[in-house]
Amino acid sequence: MRLRHIRGAEEAIAESPYVIQEPETYRGRFAELFGNGNPLHIEVGMGKGRFLMELAKENPEINYIGIERYSSVLLRALQKREDMELSNIYFMRVDAKELADIFALGEVERIYLNFSDPWPKDRHAKRRLTSPEFMRVYDRILLQNGTVEFKTDNQELFDWSLASIPEAGWRIDAYTRDLHHSEMAAGNVMTEYEMKFSAMGNPICKLVASR
């Protein structure tokens, strides 16, 4: 994915009080960062952050961390964050491959994967966030009864994920190929991409996985 660089993005991120600058130093003690022992949910590849910030507003009893590797995208989320009165959400600019070095075993209760890059070429399959490689990373940070929730409008990626996740030793607890017209729509919070694709008439797929 090619993104337009925004001048000053790195500097703004480095100076932001909403970005965890050295996340490895909090491994096993993110409760100290938030000042409470509330459950921790993370979104991997949060984009501009609409989804996670809406969840943080609706659920003050849950702590949230948004993970985004692209500075220009994270900057947009920070600009939105500055206008919101929230104490239960922080951001990180890290690669998802590093999550097991950042979070301790069982430190995360839920992982959200929303409209991830499909990496359509077969040789790039291991880069997909629902690949066995990434599921092994999630296995190292989730609570034993923790869950992974995945949404996409890409039917091929969804089909592939329905097969690859069980192959990695996980269980598909629920899934739908038309989220907005299913029982799984209850409490659904839409991402920016979800709003865009839904307006185009694309059905949204969702699955929930656990060990």
Protein backbone atom coordinates (compact mmCIF):
# COMPACT_ATOMS: atom_id res chain seq x y z
CA MET A 1 0.00 0.00 0.00
CA ARG A 2 1.40 3.36 -1.07
CA LEU A 3 0.47 6.30 1.14
CA ARG A 4 1.14 9.98 0.74
CA HIS A 5 3.70 11.14 3.26
CA ILE A 6 2.61 14.04 5.44
CA ARG A 7 5.41 16.37 6.42
CA GLY A 8 5.84 16.54 10.17
CA ALA A 9 3.83 13.38 10.87
CA GLU A 10 6.68 11.59 12.66
CA GLU A 11 7.41 14.63 14.81
CA ALA A 12 3.75 15.05 15.78
CA ILE A 13 3.52 11.35 16.70
CA ALA A 14 6.72 11.53 18.78
CA GLU A 15 5.35 14.50 20.73
CA SER A 16 1.79 13.26 21.20
CA PRO A 17 0.65 12.35 24.74
CA TYR A 18 -1.77 9.87 23.16
CA VAL A 19 0.97 7.71 21.59
CA ILE A 20 2.90 5.15 23.64
CA GLN A 21 6.45 5.99 22.63
CA GLU A 22 8.29 2.95 24.05
CA PRO A 23 5.58 0.28 24.30
CA GLU A 24 8.00 -2.53 25.20
CA THR A 25 8.60 -0.84 28.55
CA TYR A 26 4.95 -1.45 29.50
CA ARG A 27 4.98 -5.17 28.71
CA GLY A 28 3.00 -6.92 31.42
CA ARG A 29 1.97 -3.67 33.09
CA PHE A 30 -0.31 -1.75 30.76
CA ALA A 31 -2.71 -1.54 33.70
CA GLU A 32 -0.26 0.97 35.19
CA LEU A 33 -0.45 3.11 32.06
CA PHE A 34 -4.25 3.28 32.25
CA GLY A 35 -4.32 3.48 36.03
CA ASN A 36 -6.77 0.59 36.41
CA GLY A 37 -7.15 -3.15 35.90
CA ASN A 38 -9.86 -2.98 33.24
CA PRO A 39 -9.82 -5.42 30.29
CA LEU A 40 -7.56 -4.46 27.39
CA HIS A 41 -8.74 -4.58 23.77
CA ILE A 42 -6.52 -3.74 20.80
CA GLU A 43 -7.14 -3.02 17.13
CA VAL A 44 -4.41 -4.03 14.69
CA GLY A 45 -4.32 -1.72 11.69
CA MET A 46 -6.75 0.85 13.08
CA GLY A 47 -6.58 3.29 10.17
CA LYS A 48 -7.95 6.71 11.10
CA GLY A 49 -9.32 5.35 14.36
CA ARG A 50 -13.06 5.93 14.08
CA PHE A 51 -13.97 2.38 15.15
CA LEU A 52 -11.79 2.27 18.25
CA MET A 53 -12.60 5.78 19.43
CA GLU A 54 -16.33 5.06 19.17
CA LEU A 55 -15.83 1.90 21.23
CA ALA A 56 -13.82 3.86 23.81
CA LYS A 57 -16.65 6.38 24.13
CA GLU A 58 -19.28 3.67 24.52
CA ASN A 59 -17.26 1.47 26.93
CA PRO A 60 -15.36 3.51 29.54
CA GLU A 61 -14.85 0.31 31.56
CA ILE A 62 -12.57 -1.13 28.83
CA ASN A 63 -9.07 0.04 27.90
CA TYR A 64 -8.19 0.32 24.20
CA ILE A 65 -4.95 0.51 22.22
CA GLY A 66 -4.95 1.24 18.51
CA ILE A 67 -2.01 -0.06 16.47
CA GLU A 68 -1.10 1.55 13.15
CA ARG A 69 2.24 1.29 11.37
CA TYR A 70 1.79 4.17 8.90
CA SER A 71 2.63 7.62 10.26
CA SER A 72 0.39 9.53 7.86
CA VAL A 73 -2.62 7.43 8.87
CA LEU A 74 -1.88 7.57 12.59
CA LEU A 75 -1.61 11.35 12.37
CA ARG A 76 -5.23 11.52 11.16
CA ALA A 77 -6.32 9.47 14.16
CA LEU A 78 -4.42 11.78 16.50
CA GLN A 79 -6.16 14.80 15.03
CA LYS A 80 -9.53 13.21 15.79
CA ARG A 81 -8.39 12.12 19.26
CA GLU A 82 -7.49 15.67 20.28
CA ASP A 83 -11.16 16.68 20.09
CA MET A 84 -12.38 13.86 22.32
CA GLU A 85 -12.58 13.60 26.12
CA LEU A 86 -11.31 10.05 26.60
CA SER A 87 -9.06 8.48 29.21
CA ASN A 88 -9.22 4.86 28.07
CA ILE A 89 -7.45 4.86 24.70
CA TYR A 90 -3.85 5.12 23.49
CA PHE A 91 -2.10 4.49 20.18
CA MET A 92 1.12 2.82 19.04
CA ARG A 93 3.07 3.00 15.80
CA VAL A 94 4.45 -0.53 15.56
CA ASP A 95 4.37 -3.52 13.25
CA ALA A 96 1.90 -6.25 14.21
CA LYS A 97 4.71 -8.82 14.07
CA GLU A 98 6.12 -7.21 17.22
CA LEU A 99 3.03 -7.65 19.39
CA ALA A 100 4.38 -10.57 21.40
CA ASP A 101 7.35 -8.40 22.39
CA ILE A 102 5.00 -5.61 23.52
CA PHE A 103 2.22 -7.47 25.34
CA ALA A 104 2.69 -10.21 27.92
CA LEU A 105 0.98 -13.60 27.83
CA GLY A 106 -2.71 -13.15 28.60
CA GLU A 107 -2.54 -9.35 28.76
CA VAL A 108 -5.08 -8.74 25.96
CA GLU A 109 -8.73 -9.79 26.07
CA ARG A 110 -9.78 -9.02 22.50
CA ILE A 111 -8.14 -8.25 19.15
CA TYR A 112 -9.95 -6.44 16.34
CA LEU A 113 -8.87 -6.83 12.71
CA ASN A 114 -10.87 -4.54 10.44
CA PHE A 115 -10.57 -4.37 6.66
CA SER A 116 -6.98 -5.54 6.66
CA ASP A 117 -4.84 -5.46 3.51
CA PRO A 118 -5.83 -8.65 1.60
CA TRP A 119 -2.35 -9.21 0.14
CA PRO A 120 -3.95 -11.00 -2.85
CA LYS A 121 -0.82 -12.68 -4.24
CA ASP A 122 -0.24 -16.20 -2.92
CA ARG A 123 3.41 -15.52 -2.14
CA HIS A 124 2.28 -12.78 0.29
CA ALA A 125 -0.26 -14.93 2.16
CA LYS A 126 1.75 -14.97 5.38
CA ARG A 127 1.42 -11.17 5.56
CA ARG A 128 -2.36 -11.41 5.93
CA LEU A 129 -3.40 -10.60 9.48
CA THR A 130 -5.47 -13.80 9.68
CA SER A 131 -2.60 -16.03 8.56
CA PRO A 132 -1.29 -18.84 10.80
CA GLU A 133 1.85 -16.74 11.34
CA PHE A 134 -0.14 -13.89 12.87
CA MET A 135 -2.55 -16.18 14.71
CA ARG A 136 0.48 -17.58 16.54
CA VAL A 137 1.37 -14.04 17.60
CA TYR A 138 -2.16 -13.44 18.91
CA ASP A 139 -2.01 -16.74 20.77
CA ARG A 140 0.93 -15.39 22.76
CA ILE A 141 -0.85 -12.26 24.04
CA LEU A 142 -4.53 -13.20 24.42
CA LEU A 143 -6.25 -14.40 27.55
CA GLN A 144 -7.13 -18.09 27.37
CA ASN A 145 -10.77 -17.20 26.61
CA GLY A 146 -9.83 -14.17 24.50
CA THR A 147 -11.19 -13.60 21.01
CA VAL A 148 -10.19 -12.25 17.62
CA GLU A 149 -12.84 -10.37 15.62
CA PHE A 150 -12.29 -9.88 11.89
CA LYS A 151 -14.32 -7.77 9.43
CA THR A 152 -13.81 -7.37 5.69
CA ASP A 153 -15.70 -6.79 2.46
CA ASN A 154 -13.21 -8.97 0.56
CA GLN A 155 -14.95 -12.30 -0.02
CA GLU A 156 -11.80 -14.12 -1.16
CA LEU A 157 -9.87 -13.02 1.93
CA PHE A 158 -12.81 -14.05 4.11
CA ASP A 159 -13.00 -17.51 2.51
CA TRP A 160 -9.26 -17.92 2.98
CA SER A 161 -9.49 -16.81 6.62
CA LEU A 162 -12.31 -19.24 7.38
CA ALA A 163 -9.95 -22.03 6.28
CA SER A 164 -6.61 -20.72 7.58
CA ILE A 165 -7.72 -19.83 11.11
CA PRO A 166 -8.84 -23.40 12.02
CA GLU A 167 -5.67 -24.72 10.39
CA ALA A 168 -3.76 -22.61 12.92
CA GLY A 169 -5.54 -24.41 15.77
CA TRP A 170 -8.28 -21.85 16.40
CA ARG A 171 -12.07 -22.24 16.45
CA ILE A 172 -14.53 -20.13 14.44
CA ASP A 173 -17.20 -19.28 17.02
CA ALA A 174 -19.48 -17.32 14.68
CA TYR A 175 -19.42 -15.83 11.22
CA THR A 176 -21.60 -14.08 8.69
CA ARG A 177 -21.23 -12.98 5.08
CA ASP A 178 -23.74 -10.13 5.49
CA LEU A 179 -23.09 -8.52 8.86
CA HIS A 180 -25.56 -5.67 8.60
CA HIS A 181 -28.46 -8.09 8.00
CA SER A 182 -27.53 -10.68 10.60
CA GLU A 183 -27.84 -11.27 14.32
CA MET A 184 -24.17 -10.33 14.64
CA ALA A 185 -25.07 -6.73 13.77
CA ALA A 186 -26.15 -6.02 17.35
CA GLY A 187 -23.78 -3.43 18.82
CA ASN A 188 -21.75 -3.20 15.62
CA VAL A 189 -19.56 -0.09 15.30
CA MET A 190 -18.61 0.77 11.74
CA THR A 191 -15.14 1.70 10.55
CA GLU A 192 -14.46 4.33 7.88
CA TYR A 193 -14.00 1.59 5.27
CA GLU A 194 -17.12 -0.20 6.42
CA MET A 195 -19.20 2.94 5.91
CA LYS A 196 -17.69 3.44 2.45
CA PHE A 197 -18.10 -0.14 1.26
CA SER A 198 -21.61 -0.48 2.71
CA ALA A 199 -22.67 2.65 0.85
CA MET A 200 -21.41 0.97 -2.34
CA GLY A 201 -23.64 -2.03 -1.61
CA ASN A 202 -20.85 -4.40 -0.62
CA PRO A 203 -21.89 -6.95 2.04
CA ILE A 204 -19.66 -6.96 5.09
CA CYS A 205 -18.25 -10.25 6.38
CA LYS A 206 -17.38 -10.88 10.01
CA LEU A 207 -16.01 -13.76 12.06
CA VAL A 208 -15.17 -14.31 15.71
CA ALA A 209 -12.42 -16.79 16.58
CA SER A 210 -11.09 -18.25 19.82
CA ARG A 211 -8.84 -21.10 20.93
